[in-house]
Amino acid sequence: MKTAVIGGGVMGREHLKALAQISQVDVAAVVDPDLEAASSVLEIAGIKGAQTYADTESMLRAVAPDYVIVASPVRFHAQQTIAAYEAGAHVLCEKPLCMSLEEAHAMKAAGEKAGKLFTMGLQMRQGHANQALRRFVADGGLGSVYHTRAWGGHIMNYPWGRYFHKKDQSLGGVLAATTVHPLDAVYWIIGAPEPVTVSGSTFCRLTQMPNPPINFDGDLKEVTVEDFGQAHVRFADGSSMSVEGNWLQHDRSRAHGFDVLGTLGVGKDVEPHIEVWDPETGAVTGVDLPFEEETASRTLAEHTNFLAAIGGADVSLVRFEEAINVQRIIGGIYASAATGAEVRV
């Protein structure tokens, strides 16, 4: 399958390393305004024979790929995804989806018009334990889910890239780039209920720290995103979610994770993955959650899964409706933080 990767940064490199392991994939092109960056990620992935392009339109005309991975700055996701659809390609778009709900709906419409498939780079869905927990929750093993928690970030580690710290390029900071992973995973596990309202706040600690103990190669004056954010989300089914992201955490055992709180017990992303309450004895005990051995590369797994879907297999993908709802939640946090009030999403 003729494949192109748009974006020669960190995620473009990771996708190329995974694609190099799939025999049915022919990586034909990498797009990046910095052609040296495009060549560099190809070399790191060990891929030979692919062409490099400085812009998406030229690549689409010359290559006519069947499969496109959009791993560029977020501000370009919508236009590049739509262009790929119009050129006849299936699309995997990295997270966060795009800059606005208007862009998200335009991307969805373009995919539907082209009759091509969509998925997103949300690798926690490829975890076998997470998949098993989703089945357990769907089967009623935790009873009625009334609340979830999702948190994610780094231990005093600010992700450096050409655009991560610039809101006009990336939508936001830790919430959009990092916390989105456990947020999406737990949202998917509980069946993707309809989000209704969000109340949140954000904070930038980096610019107020004297001699921050991190590697940051940028100009602090250009930092316009949050490195901390938190929110409370209400869903139409009556359940709720708490969200917290922090790139500058102090050392702790779980820098990221999620909990699912149900009337019969709790599900977690770490062992024991399930703790249930016995109404007869009053004891809380761990429950063995059987699942296959975890894959070595979730990025490789998401490509394998998506390629199977393109081939006609009935497999689980990130549906546009779910991606848009996650976009509504993250966008709602930023809107609430800006207005100082709860917002409807």
C-alpha atoms as a PDB file:
ATOM      1  CA  MET A   1       0.000   0.000   0.000  1.00  0.00           C
ATOM      2  CA  LYS A   2       1.503   3.297  -1.122  1.00  0.00           C
ATOM      3  CA  THR A   3       1.898   5.375   2.049  1.00  0.00           C
ATOM      4  CA  ALA A   4       2.937   8.934   2.863  1.00  0.00           C
ATOM      5  CA  VAL A   5       3.769  10.576   6.179  1.00  0.00           C
ATOM      6  CA  ILE A   6       3.162  14.299   6.627  1.00  0.00           C
ATOM      7  CA  GLY A   7       5.451  15.678   9.325  1.00  0.00           C
ATOM      8  CA  GLY A   8       9.123  15.009   9.959  1.00  0.00           C
ATOM      9  CA  GLY A   9       9.042  15.522  13.712  1.00  0.00           C
ATOM     10  CA  VAL A  10       8.868  13.189  16.702  1.00  0.00           C
ATOM     11  CA  MET A  11       5.583  11.511  15.797  1.00  0.00           C
ATOM     12  CA  GLY A  12       6.426  11.298  12.114  1.00  0.00           C
ATOM     13  CA  ARG A  13       9.585   9.446  13.079  1.00  0.00           C
ATOM     14  CA  GLU A  14       7.685   7.024  15.337  1.00  0.00           C
ATOM     15  CA  HIS A  15       5.142   6.260  12.625  1.00  0.00           C
ATOM     16  CA  LEU A  16       7.888   5.628  10.075  1.00  0.00           C
ATOM     17  CA  LYS A  17       9.681   3.228  12.426  1.00  0.00           C
ATOM     18  CA  ALA A  18       6.438   1.264  12.775  1.00  0.00           C
ATOM     19  CA  LEU A  19       5.586   1.353   9.062  1.00  0.00           C
ATOM     20  CA  ALA A  20       9.051   0.021   8.208  1.00  0.00           C
ATOM     21  CA  GLN A  21       8.041  -3.241   9.925  1.00  0.00           C
ATOM     22  CA  ILE A  22       4.896  -3.824   7.826  1.00  0.00           C
ATOM     23  CA  SER A  23       5.529  -5.707   4.587  1.00  0.00           C
ATOM     24  CA  GLN A  24       2.365  -4.526   2.839  1.00  0.00           C
ATOM     25  CA  VAL A  25       3.344  -0.867   3.280  1.00  0.00           C
ATOM     26  CA  ASP A  26       5.429   0.992   0.724  1.00  0.00           C
ATOM     27  CA  VAL A  27       6.519   4.295   2.249  1.00  0.00           C
ATOM     28  CA  ALA A  28       6.669   6.499  -0.804  1.00  0.00           C
ATOM     29  CA  ALA A  29       7.015   9.978   0.657  1.00  0.00           C
ATOM     30  CA  VAL A  30       7.583  12.198   3.682  1.00  0.00           C
ATOM     31  CA  VAL A  31       6.452  15.814   3.749  1.00  0.00           C
ATOM     32  CA  ASP A  32       8.079  18.541   5.833  1.00  0.00           C
ATOM     33  CA  PRO A  33       8.933  22.180   5.051  1.00  0.00           C
ATOM     34  CA  ASP A  34      12.395  21.293   6.362  1.00  0.00           C
ATOM     35  CA  LEU A  35      13.600  18.753   3.798  1.00  0.00           C
ATOM     36  CA  GLU A  36      16.579  17.864   5.979  1.00  0.00           C
ATOM     37  CA  ALA A  37      14.161  16.868   8.760  1.00  0.00           C
ATOM     38  CA  ALA A  38      12.202  14.726   6.294  1.00  0.00           C
ATOM     39  CA  SER A  39      15.379  12.979   5.137  1.00  0.00           C
ATOM     40  CA  SER A  40      16.550  12.525   8.714  1.00  0.00           C
ATOM     41  CA  VAL A  41      13.431  10.685   9.917  1.00  0.00           C
ATOM     42  CA  LEU A  42      13.586   8.389   6.884  1.00  0.00           C
ATOM     43  CA  GLU A  43      17.208   7.563   7.681  1.00  0.00           C
ATOM     44  CA  ILE A  44      16.427   6.921  11.359  1.00  0.00           C
ATOM     45  CA  ALA A  45      13.599   4.562  10.353  1.00  0.00           C
ATOM     46  CA  GLY A  46      15.850   2.770   7.877  1.00  0.00           C
ATOM     47  CA  ILE A  47      13.563   3.480   4.929  1.00  0.00           C
ATOM     48  CA  LYS A  48      15.148   3.837   1.499  1.00  0.00           C
ATOM     49  CA  GLY A  49      13.663   4.986  -1.787  1.00  0.00           C
ATOM     50  CA  ALA A  50      11.054   7.383  -0.410  1.00  0.00           C
ATOM     51  CA  GLN A  51      10.855  10.891  -1.798  1.00  0.00           C
ATOM     52  CA  THR A  52      10.786  14.056   0.309  1.00  0.00           C
ATOM     53  CA  TYR A  53       8.485  16.998  -0.341  1.00  0.00           C
ATOM     54  CA  ALA A  54       8.226  20.451   1.179  1.00  0.00           C
ATOM     55  CA  ASP A  55       4.434  20.688   0.830  1.00  0.00           C
ATOM     56  CA  THR A  56       1.456  18.360   0.958  1.00  0.00           C
ATOM     57  CA  GLU A  57      -0.163  19.375  -2.325  1.00  0.00           C
ATOM     58  CA  SER A  58       2.929  18.579  -4.394  1.00  0.00           C
ATOM     59  CA  MET A  59       3.258  15.196  -2.714  1.00  0.00           C
ATOM     60  CA  LEU A  60      -0.387  14.259  -3.254  1.00  0.00           C
ATOM     61  CA  ARG A  61      -0.176  15.150  -6.961  1.00  0.00           C
ATOM     62  CA  ALA A  62       3.083  13.294  -7.525  1.00  0.00           C
ATOM     63  CA  VAL A  63       2.558  10.222  -5.351  1.00  0.00           C
ATOM     64  CA  ALA A  64      -1.241   9.668  -5.153  1.00  0.00           C
ATOM     65  CA  PRO A  65      -0.896   7.671  -1.900  1.00  0.00           C
ATOM     66  CA  ASP A  66      -3.445   5.150  -0.675  1.00  0.00           C
ATOM     67  CA  TYR A  67      -2.706   5.832   2.989  1.00  0.00           C
ATOM     68  CA  VAL A  68      -1.657   9.107   4.619  1.00  0.00           C
ATOM     69  CA  ILE A  69      -0.481   9.702   8.189  1.00  0.00           C
ATOM     70  CA  VAL A  70      -0.914  13.317   9.309  1.00  0.00           C
ATOM     71  CA  ALA A  71       1.696  14.009  11.991  1.00  0.00           C
ATOM     72  CA  SER A  72       2.285  17.707  11.433  1.00  0.00           C
ATOM     73  CA  PRO A  73       1.607  20.663  13.757  1.00  0.00           C
ATOM     74  CA  VAL A  74      -2.034  20.649  14.822  1.00  0.00           C
ATOM     75  CA  ARG A  75      -2.871  23.856  12.957  1.00  0.00           C
ATOM     76  CA  PHE A  76      -2.369  21.935   9.679  1.00  0.00           C
ATOM     77  CA  HIS A  77      -4.272  18.748  10.581  1.00  0.00           C
ATOM     78  CA  ALA A  78      -7.608  19.774   9.098  1.00  0.00           C
ATOM     79  CA  GLN A  79      -6.393  21.105   5.755  1.00  0.00           C
ATOM     80  CA  GLN A  80      -3.976  18.216   5.233  1.00  0.00           C
ATOM     81  CA  THR A  81      -6.519  15.559   6.218  1.00  0.00           C
ATOM     82  CA  ILE A  82      -9.133  17.060   3.898  1.00  0.00           C
ATOM     83  CA  ALA A  83      -6.598  17.280   1.064  1.00  0.00           C
ATOM     84  CA  ALA A  84      -5.623  13.633   1.586  1.00  0.00           C
ATOM     85  CA  TYR A  85      -9.261  12.562   1.455  1.00  0.00           C
ATOM     86  CA  GLU A  86      -9.841  14.570  -1.718  1.00  0.00           C
ATOM     87  CA  ALA A  87      -6.809  12.815  -3.227  1.00  0.00           C
ATOM     88  CA  GLY A  88      -8.382   9.424  -2.456  1.00  0.00           C
ATOM     89  CA  ALA A  89      -6.389   8.323   0.601  1.00  0.00           C
ATOM     90  CA  HIS A  90      -7.376   6.793   3.917  1.00  0.00           C
ATOM     91  CA  VAL A  91      -6.143   8.901   6.844  1.00  0.00           C
ATOM     92  CA  LEU A  92      -4.622   8.370  10.280  1.00  0.00           C
ATOM     93  CA  CYS A  93      -4.459  11.756  11.983  1.00  0.00           C
ATOM     94  CA  GLU A  94      -2.363  12.359  15.068  1.00  0.00           C
ATOM     95  CA  LYS A  95      -3.818  13.900  18.196  1.00  0.00           C
ATOM     96  CA  PRO A  96      -5.154  16.373  18.996  1.00  0.00           C
ATOM     97  CA  LEU A  97      -7.560  16.205  16.088  1.00  0.00           C
ATOM     98  CA  CYS A  98      -7.504  19.856  14.999  1.00  0.00           C
ATOM     99  CA  MET A  99      -7.867  23.449  16.178  1.00  0.00           C
ATOM    100  CA  SER A 100     -11.669  23.773  16.375  1.00  0.00           C
ATOM    101  CA  LEU A 101     -14.981  21.936  16.171  1.00  0.00           C
ATOM    102  CA  GLU A 102     -15.657  23.577  12.816  1.00  0.00           C
ATOM    103  CA  GLU A 103     -12.493  22.003  11.443  1.00  0.00           C
ATOM    104  CA  ALA A 104     -13.391  18.653  12.991  1.00  0.00           C
ATOM    105  CA  HIS A 105     -16.786  18.547  11.299  1.00  0.00           C
ATOM    106  CA  ALA A 106     -15.218  19.562   7.976  1.00  0.00           C
ATOM    107  CA  MET A 107     -12.727  16.686   8.265  1.00  0.00           C
ATOM    108  CA  LYS A 108     -15.523  14.227   8.998  1.00  0.00           C
ATOM    109  CA  ALA A 109     -17.562  15.466   6.041  1.00  0.00           C
ATOM    110  CA  ALA A 110     -14.578  15.153   3.699  1.00  0.00           C
ATOM    111  CA  GLY A 111     -13.932  11.566   4.773  1.00  0.00           C
ATOM    112  CA  GLU A 112     -17.557  10.609   4.311  1.00  0.00           C
ATOM    113  CA  LYS A 113     -17.704  12.259   0.884  1.00  0.00           C
ATOM    114  CA  ALA A 114     -14.558  10.423  -0.226  1.00  0.00           C
ATOM    115  CA  GLY A 115     -15.738   7.117   1.228  1.00  0.00           C
ATOM    116  CA  LYS A 116     -12.410   6.662   2.992  1.00  0.00           C
ATOM    117  CA  LEU A 117     -11.614   5.488   6.512  1.00  0.00           C
ATOM    118  CA  PHE A 118     -10.333   7.498   9.475  1.00  0.00           C
ATOM    119  CA  THR A 119      -8.527   6.752  12.690  1.00  0.00           C
ATOM    120  CA  MET A 120      -6.433   8.700  15.185  1.00  0.00           C
ATOM    121  CA  GLY A 121      -3.074   8.265  16.875  1.00  0.00           C
ATOM    122  CA  LEU A 122      -4.496   7.312  20.269  1.00  0.00           C
ATOM    123  CA  GLN A 123      -2.303   4.362  21.092  1.00  0.00           C
ATOM    124  CA  MET A 124      -3.703   3.501  24.522  1.00  0.00           C
ATOM    125  CA  ARG A 125      -6.654   1.894  22.746  1.00  0.00           C
ATOM    126  CA  GLN A 126      -4.219  -0.722  21.456  1.00  0.00           C
ATOM    127  CA  GLY A 127      -3.399  -1.902  24.984  1.00  0.00           C
ATOM    128  CA  HIS A 128      -4.763  -5.404  25.494  1.00  0.00           C
ATOM    129  CA  ALA A 129      -5.517  -4.763  29.170  1.00  0.00           C
ATOM    130  CA  ASN A 130      -7.473  -1.647  28.221  1.00  0.00           C
ATOM    131  CA  GLN A 131      -9.408  -3.607  25.611  1.00  0.00           C
ATOM    132  CA  ALA A 132     -10.224  -6.320  28.168  1.00  0.00           C
ATOM    133  CA  LEU A 133     -11.340  -3.708  30.707  1.00  0.00           C
ATOM    134  CA  ARG A 134     -13.612  -2.139  28.094  1.00  0.00           C
ATOM    135  CA  ARG A 135     -15.283  -5.517  27.536  1.00  0.00           C
ATOM    136  CA  PHE A 136     -15.634  -6.032  31.305  1.00  0.00           C
ATOM    137  CA  VAL A 137     -17.296  -2.622  31.716  1.00  0.00           C
ATOM    138  CA  ALA A 138     -19.584  -3.195  28.715  1.00  0.00           C
ATOM    139  CA  ASP A 139     -20.677  -6.513  30.218  1.00  0.00           C
ATOM    140  CA  GLY A 140     -21.698  -4.750  33.444  1.00  0.00           C
ATOM    141  CA  GLY A 141     -18.843  -6.045  35.558  1.00  0.00           C
ATOM    142  CA  LEU A 142     -18.465  -2.731  37.390  1.00  0.00           C
ATOM    143  CA  GLY A 143     -22.199  -2.059  37.568  1.00  0.00           C
ATOM    144  CA  SER A 144     -23.227   1.472  36.625  1.00  0.00           C
ATOM    145  CA  VAL A 145     -20.271   3.776  35.951  1.00  0.00           C
ATOM    146  CA  TYR A 146     -20.789   7.046  37.808  1.00  0.00           C
ATOM    147  CA  HIS A 147     -17.362   8.707  37.591  1.00  0.00           C
ATOM    148  CA  THR A 148     -14.000   8.401  35.880  1.00  0.00           C
ATOM    149  CA  ARG A 149     -10.617   9.996  36.480  1.00  0.00           C
ATOM    150  CA  ALA A 150      -7.988  10.661  33.820  1.00  0.00           C
ATOM    151  CA  TRP A 151      -4.628  12.243  34.461  1.00  0.00           C
ATOM    152  CA  GLY A 152      -1.466  12.484  32.415  1.00  0.00           C
ATOM    153  CA  GLY A 153       1.765  14.375  32.083  1.00  0.00           C
ATOM    154  CA  HIS A 154       5.466  14.060  32.799  1.00  0.00           C
ATOM    155  CA  ILE A 155       7.806  14.055  35.767  1.00  0.00           C
ATOM    156  CA  MET A 156       9.411  17.488  35.382  1.00  0.00           C
ATOM    157  CA  ASN A 157       9.815  17.012  31.621  1.00  0.00           C
ATOM    158  CA  TYR A 158       8.598  19.617  29.156  1.00  0.00           C
ATOM    159  CA  PRO A 159       8.254  18.086  25.661  1.00  0.00           C
ATOM    160  CA  TRP A 160      10.436  20.042  23.306  1.00  0.00           C
ATOM    161  CA  GLY A 161       9.544  20.434  19.647  1.00  0.00           C
ATOM    162  CA  ARG A 162       9.213  23.136  17.079  1.00  0.00           C
ATOM    163  CA  TYR A 163       5.670  24.019  18.108  1.00  0.00           C
ATOM    164  CA  PHE A 164       4.489  22.246  21.290  1.00  0.00           C
ATOM    165  CA  HIS A 165       4.786  25.432  23.345  1.00  0.00           C
ATOM    166  CA  LYS A 166       2.858  27.660  20.904  1.00  0.00           C
ATOM    167  CA  LYS A 167      -0.938  27.703  21.223  1.00  0.00           C
ATOM    168  CA  ASP A 168      -1.515  29.005  17.699  1.00  0.00           C
ATOM    169  CA  GLN A 169       0.315  25.945  16.373  1.00  0.00           C
ATOM    170  CA  SER A 170      -0.811  23.210  18.765  1.00  0.00           C
ATOM    171  CA  LEU A 171      -4.273  24.089  20.196  1.00  0.00           C
ATOM    172  CA  GLY A 172      -2.893  23.798  23.729  1.00  0.00           C
ATOM    173  CA  GLY A 173      -0.284  22.282  25.994  1.00  0.00           C
ATOM    174  CA  VAL A 174      -0.337  19.289  28.297  1.00  0.00           C
ATOM    175  CA  LEU A 175      -4.090  18.686  28.030  1.00  0.00           C
ATOM    176  CA  ALA A 176      -4.132  18.613  24.221  1.00  0.00           C
ATOM    177  CA  ALA A 177      -0.802  16.850  23.696  1.00  0.00           C
ATOM    178  CA  THR A 178      -0.465  14.413  26.593  1.00  0.00           C
ATOM    179  CA  THR A 179      -3.517  14.104  28.848  1.00  0.00           C
ATOM    180  CA  VAL A 180      -5.609  13.412  25.760  1.00  0.00           C
ATOM    181  CA  HIS A 181      -4.277   9.820  25.803  1.00  0.00           C
ATOM    182  CA  PRO A 182      -5.696   8.638  29.165  1.00  0.00           C
ATOM    183  CA  LEU A 183      -8.732  10.900  28.655  1.00  0.00           C
ATOM    184  CA  ASP A 184      -9.571   9.213  25.358  1.00  0.00           C
ATOM    185  CA  ALA A 185      -8.795   5.742  26.694  1.00  0.00           C
ATOM    186  CA  VAL A 186     -11.118   5.938  29.691  1.00  0.00           C
ATOM    187  CA  TYR A 187     -13.790   7.742  27.656  1.00  0.00           C
ATOM    188  CA  TRP A 188     -13.696   4.877  25.131  1.00  0.00           C
ATOM    189  CA  ILE A 189     -13.676   2.234  27.870  1.00  0.00           C
ATOM    190  CA  ILE A 190     -16.933   3.545  29.372  1.00  0.00           C
ATOM    191  CA  GLY A 191     -18.710   3.640  26.023  1.00  0.00           C
ATOM    192  CA  ALA A 192     -18.194   7.255  24.885  1.00  0.00           C
ATOM    193  CA  PRO A 193     -21.131   9.031  26.566  1.00  0.00           C
ATOM    194  CA  GLU A 194     -22.267  12.427  25.308  1.00  0.00           C
ATOM    195  CA  PRO A 195     -20.383  15.311  26.997  1.00  0.00           C
ATOM    196  CA  VAL A 196     -22.645  18.141  28.176  1.00  0.00           C
ATOM    197  CA  THR A 197     -20.694  20.653  30.269  1.00  0.00           C
ATOM    198  CA  VAL A 198     -17.101  21.342  31.256  1.00  0.00           C
ATOM    199  CA  SER A 199     -15.613  23.434  34.050  1.00  0.00           C
ATOM    200  CA  GLY A 200     -11.850  23.816  33.969  1.00  0.00           C
ATOM    201  CA  SER A 201      -8.785  25.894  34.681  1.00  0.00           C
ATOM    202  CA  THR A 202      -5.244  26.042  33.332  1.00  0.00           C
ATOM    203  CA  PHE A 203      -1.907  27.384  34.529  1.00  0.00           C
ATOM    204  CA  CYS A 204       1.596  27.937  33.134  1.00  0.00           C
ATOM    205  CA  ARG A 205       4.220  27.208  35.783  1.00  0.00           C
ATOM    206  CA  LEU A 206       7.264  27.056  33.509  1.00  0.00           C
ATOM    207  CA  THR A 207       7.506  30.794  32.919  1.00  0.00           C
ATOM    208  CA  GLN A 208       7.342  31.463  36.669  1.00  0.00           C
ATOM    209  CA  MET A 209       9.991  28.958  37.804  1.00  0.00           C
ATOM    210  CA  PRO A 210      13.484  30.263  38.572  1.00  0.00           C
ATOM    211  CA  ASN A 211      15.965  28.044  36.722  1.00  0.00           C
ATOM    212  CA  PRO A 212      13.463  25.288  35.830  1.00  0.00           C
ATOM    213  CA  PRO A 213      15.180  21.855  36.082  1.00  0.00           C
ATOM    214  CA  ILE A 214      14.246  20.759  32.555  1.00  0.00           C
ATOM    215  CA  ASN A 215      15.650  20.749  29.062  1.00  0.00           C
ATOM    216  CA  PHE A 216      13.845  23.472  27.123  1.00  0.00           C
ATOM    217  CA  ASP A 217      15.539  24.807  24.008  1.00  0.00           C
ATOM    218  CA  GLY A 218      12.930  27.430  23.187  1.00  0.00           C
ATOM    219  CA  ASP A 219      12.369  31.024  24.200  1.00  0.00           C
ATOM    220  CA  LEU A 220      10.295  31.217  27.385  1.00  0.00           C
ATOM    221  CA  LYS A 221       8.724  34.397  26.056  1.00  0.00           C
ATOM    222  CA  GLU A 222       7.133  32.310  23.273  1.00  0.00           C
ATOM    223  CA  VAL A 223       5.400  29.875  25.659  1.00  0.00           C
ATOM    224  CA  THR A 224       1.638  30.377  25.282  1.00  0.00           C
ATOM    225  CA  VAL A 225       0.293  26.987  26.430  1.00  0.00           C
ATOM    226  CA  GLU A 226      -0.555  25.486  29.794  1.00  0.00           C
ATOM    227  CA  ASP A 227       1.706  22.996  31.549  1.00  0.00           C
ATOM    228  CA  PHE A 228      -1.053  22.294  34.113  1.00  0.00           C
ATOM    229  CA  GLY A 229      -4.784  21.952  33.619  1.00  0.00           C
ATOM    230  CA  GLN A 230      -7.751  20.366  35.364  1.00  0.00           C
ATOM    231  CA  ALA A 231     -11.454  19.980  34.693  1.00  0.00           C
ATOM    232  CA  HIS A 232     -14.772  18.456  35.693  1.00  0.00           C
ATOM    233  CA  VAL A 233     -16.841  17.024  32.839  1.00  0.00           C
ATOM    234  CA  ARG A 234     -20.540  16.129  33.024  1.00  0.00           C
ATOM    235  CA  PHE A 235     -22.086  13.591  30.633  1.00  0.00           C
ATOM    236  CA  ALA A 236     -25.652  13.204  29.429  1.00  0.00           C
ATOM    237  CA  ASP A 237     -26.011   9.815  31.157  1.00  0.00           C
ATOM    238  CA  GLY A 238     -25.442  11.428  34.573  1.00  0.00           C
ATOM    239  CA  SER A 239     -21.843  10.297  34.994  1.00  0.00           C
ATOM    240  CA  SER A 240     -18.854  12.609  35.318  1.00  0.00           C
ATOM    241  CA  MET A 241     -15.105  12.735  34.737  1.00  0.00           C
ATOM    242  CA  SER A 242     -12.230  14.546  36.394  1.00  0.00           C
ATOM    243  CA  VAL A 243      -9.246  15.433  34.217  1.00  0.00           C
ATOM    244  CA  GLU A 244      -5.788  16.620  35.241  1.00  0.00           C
ATOM    245  CA  GLY A 245      -2.653  17.236  33.206  1.00  0.00           C
ATOM    246  CA  ASN A 246       0.788  18.329  34.372  1.00  0.00           C
ATOM    247  CA  TRP A 247       4.078  18.391  32.477  1.00  0.00           C
ATOM    248  CA  LEU A 248       5.985  19.545  35.576  1.00  0.00           C
ATOM    249  CA  GLN A 249       4.951  16.933  38.126  1.00  0.00           C
ATOM    250  CA  HIS A 250       7.131  16.137  41.081  1.00  0.00           C
ATOM    251  CA  ASP A 251       8.124  12.491  41.344  1.00  0.00           C
ATOM    252  CA  ARG A 252       5.194  10.126  41.859  1.00  0.00           C
ATOM    253  CA  SER A 253       4.429   6.494  41.147  1.00  0.00           C
ATOM    254  CA  ARG A 254       1.814   7.105  38.434  1.00  0.00           C
ATOM    255  CA  ALA A 255       2.483  10.101  36.219  1.00  0.00           C
ATOM    256  CA  HIS A 256      -0.475   9.143  34.052  1.00  0.00           C
ATOM    257  CA  GLY A 257      -3.428   6.806  34.334  1.00  0.00           C
ATOM    258  CA  PHE A 258      -7.160   6.436  34.749  1.00  0.00           C
ATOM    259  CA  ASP A 259      -9.780   5.028  37.110  1.00  0.00           C
ATOM    260  CA  VAL A 260     -13.315   3.867  36.333  1.00  0.00           C
ATOM    261  CA  LEU A 261     -15.679   4.082  39.315  1.00  0.00           C
ATOM    262  CA  GLY A 262     -18.741   1.858  39.170  1.00  0.00           C
ATOM    263  CA  THR A 263     -21.410   0.826  41.649  1.00  0.00           C
ATOM    264  CA  LEU A 264     -19.817  -2.639  41.926  1.00  0.00           C
ATOM    265  CA  GLY A 265     -16.143  -1.721  41.889  1.00  0.00           C
ATOM    266  CA  VAL A 266     -13.249   0.153  40.302  1.00  0.00           C
ATOM    267  CA  GLY A 267     -11.322  -0.405  37.077  1.00  0.00           C
ATOM    268  CA  LYS A 268      -7.754   0.878  36.638  1.00  0.00           C
ATOM    269  CA  ASP A 269      -4.997   1.019  34.067  1.00  0.00           C
ATOM    270  CA  VAL A 270      -2.621  -0.833  36.415  1.00  0.00           C
ATOM    271  CA  GLU A 271      -2.813  -4.199  38.160  1.00  0.00           C
ATOM    272  CA  PRO A 272      -5.020  -5.241  39.740  1.00  0.00           C
ATOM    273  CA  HIS A 273      -7.047  -3.806  36.890  1.00  0.00           C
ATOM    274  CA  ILE A 274     -10.314  -4.524  38.683  1.00  0.00           C
ATOM    275  CA  GLU A 275     -11.325  -4.248  42.335  1.00  0.00           C
ATOM    276  CA  VAL A 276     -14.866  -5.294  43.225  1.00  0.00           C
ATOM    277  CA  TRP A 277     -16.939  -5.064  46.373  1.00  0.00           C
ATOM    278  CA  ASP A 278     -18.557  -8.228  47.712  1.00  0.00           C
ATOM    279  CA  PRO A 279     -21.982  -7.240  49.144  1.00  0.00           C
ATOM    280  CA  GLU A 280     -22.095 -10.386  51.298  1.00  0.00           C
ATOM    281  CA  THR A 281     -18.747 -10.050  53.032  1.00  0.00           C
ATOM    282  CA  GLY A 282     -18.140  -6.339  52.562  1.00  0.00           C
ATOM    283  CA  ALA A 283     -14.631  -7.119  51.316  1.00  0.00           C
ATOM    284  CA  VAL A 284     -12.932  -5.410  48.386  1.00  0.00           C
ATOM    285  CA  THR A 285     -10.890  -7.849  46.336  1.00  0.00           C
ATOM    286  CA  GLY A 286      -8.848  -7.770  43.157  1.00  0.00           C
ATOM    287  CA  VAL A 287     -10.215  -9.630  40.158  1.00  0.00           C
ATOM    288  CA  ASP A 288      -8.018 -11.268  37.550  1.00  0.00           C
ATOM    289  CA  LEU A 289      -8.566  -9.657  34.150  1.00  0.00           C
ATOM    290  CA  PRO A 290      -7.397 -12.064  31.450  1.00  0.00           C
ATOM    291  CA  PHE A 291      -5.836 -10.471  28.386  1.00  0.00           C
ATOM    292  CA  GLU A 292      -3.237 -11.263  25.753  1.00  0.00           C
ATOM    293  CA  GLU A 293       0.391 -10.280  26.265  1.00  0.00           C
ATOM    294  CA  GLU A 294       0.834  -6.600  25.517  1.00  0.00           C
ATOM    295  CA  THR A 295       2.199  -5.640  22.123  1.00  0.00           C
ATOM    296  CA  ALA A 296       5.744  -4.279  21.965  1.00  0.00           C
ATOM    297  CA  SER A 297       4.649  -1.264  19.894  1.00  0.00           C
ATOM    298  CA  ARG A 298       1.184   0.237  20.141  1.00  0.00           C
ATOM    299  CA  THR A 299       1.990   2.493  17.177  1.00  0.00           C
ATOM    300  CA  LEU A 300       2.708  -0.601  15.085  1.00  0.00           C
ATOM    301  CA  ALA A 301      -0.514  -2.169  16.385  1.00  0.00           C
ATOM    302  CA  GLU A 302      -2.623   0.832  15.382  1.00  0.00           C
ATOM    303  CA  HIS A 303      -1.263   0.698  11.836  1.00  0.00           C
ATOM    304  CA  THR A 304      -1.814  -3.054  11.592  1.00  0.00           C
ATOM    305  CA  ASN A 305      -5.349  -2.603  12.875  1.00  0.00           C
ATOM    306  CA  PHE A 306      -6.128   0.242  10.479  1.00  0.00           C
ATOM    307  CA  LEU A 307      -4.696  -1.577   7.479  1.00  0.00           C
ATOM    308  CA  ALA A 308      -6.899  -4.567   8.354  1.00  0.00           C
ATOM    309  CA  ALA A 309      -9.917  -2.241   8.387  1.00  0.00           C
ATOM    310  CA  ILE A 310      -8.928  -0.817   5.000  1.00  0.00           C
ATOM    311  CA  GLY A 311      -8.814  -4.403   3.765  1.00  0.00           C
ATOM    312  CA  GLY A 312     -12.390  -4.944   4.907  1.00  0.00           C
ATOM    313  CA  ALA A 313     -11.927  -6.453   8.360  1.00  0.00           C
ATOM    314  CA  ASP A 314     -14.443  -5.561  11.059  1.00  0.00           C
ATOM    315  CA  VAL A 315     -12.084  -4.066  13.642  1.00  0.00           C
ATOM    316  CA  SER A 316     -12.403  -1.272  16.174  1.00  0.00           C
ATOM    317  CA  LEU A 317     -11.212   2.154  15.036  1.00  0.00           C
ATOM    318  CA  VAL A 318     -11.299   5.614  16.546  1.00  0.00           C
ATOM    319  CA  ARG A 319     -14.632   6.834  15.187  1.00  0.00           C
ATOM    320  CA  PHE A 320     -14.944  10.442  14.094  1.00  0.00           C
ATOM    321  CA  GLU A 321     -17.840  10.926  16.543  1.00  0.00           C
ATOM    322  CA  GLU A 322     -15.601   9.875  19.442  1.00  0.00           C
ATOM    323  CA  ALA A 323     -12.729  12.060  18.240  1.00  0.00           C
ATOM    324  CA  ILE A 324     -15.043  15.045  17.952  1.00  0.00           C
ATOM    325  CA  ASN A 325     -16.394  14.484  21.465  1.00  0.00           C
ATOM    326  CA  VAL A 326     -12.868  14.389  22.878  1.00  0.00           C
ATOM    327  CA  GLN A 327     -12.226  17.620  20.950  1.00  0.00           C
ATOM    328  CA  ARG A 328     -15.350  19.086  22.571  1.00  0.00           C
ATOM    329  CA  ILE A 329     -14.052  18.197  26.031  1.00  0.00           C
ATOM    330  CA  ILE A 330     -10.553  19.626  25.504  1.00  0.00           C
ATOM    331  CA  GLY A 331     -11.878  22.716  23.760  1.00  0.00           C
ATOM    332  CA  GLY A 332     -14.388  23.105  26.572  1.00  0.00           C
ATOM    333  CA  ILE A 333     -11.621  23.092  29.177  1.00  0.00           C
ATOM    334  CA  TYR A 334      -9.818  25.901  27.375  1.00  0.00           C
ATOM    335  CA  ALA A 335     -13.048  27.864  26.926  1.00  0.00           C
ATOM    336  CA  SER A 336     -13.962  27.460  30.581  1.00  0.00           C
ATOM    337  CA  ALA A 337     -10.461  28.454  31.701  1.00  0.00           C
ATOM    338  CA  ALA A 338     -10.649  31.584  29.540  1.00  0.00           C
ATOM    339  CA  THR A 339     -14.096  32.656  30.805  1.00  0.00           C
ATOM    340  CA  GLY A 340     -13.828  31.481  34.405  1.00  0.00           C
ATOM    341  CA  ALA A 341     -17.171  29.687  34.138  1.00  0.00           C
ATOM    342  CA  GLU A 342     -18.661  26.316  33.268  1.00  0.00           C
ATOM    343  CA  VAL A 343     -19.410  25.972  29.546  1.00  0.00           C
ATOM    344  CA  ARG A 344     -21.750  23.790  27.531  1.00  0.00           C
ATOM    345  CA  VAL A 345     -20.037  21.716  24.888  1.00  0.00           C
END
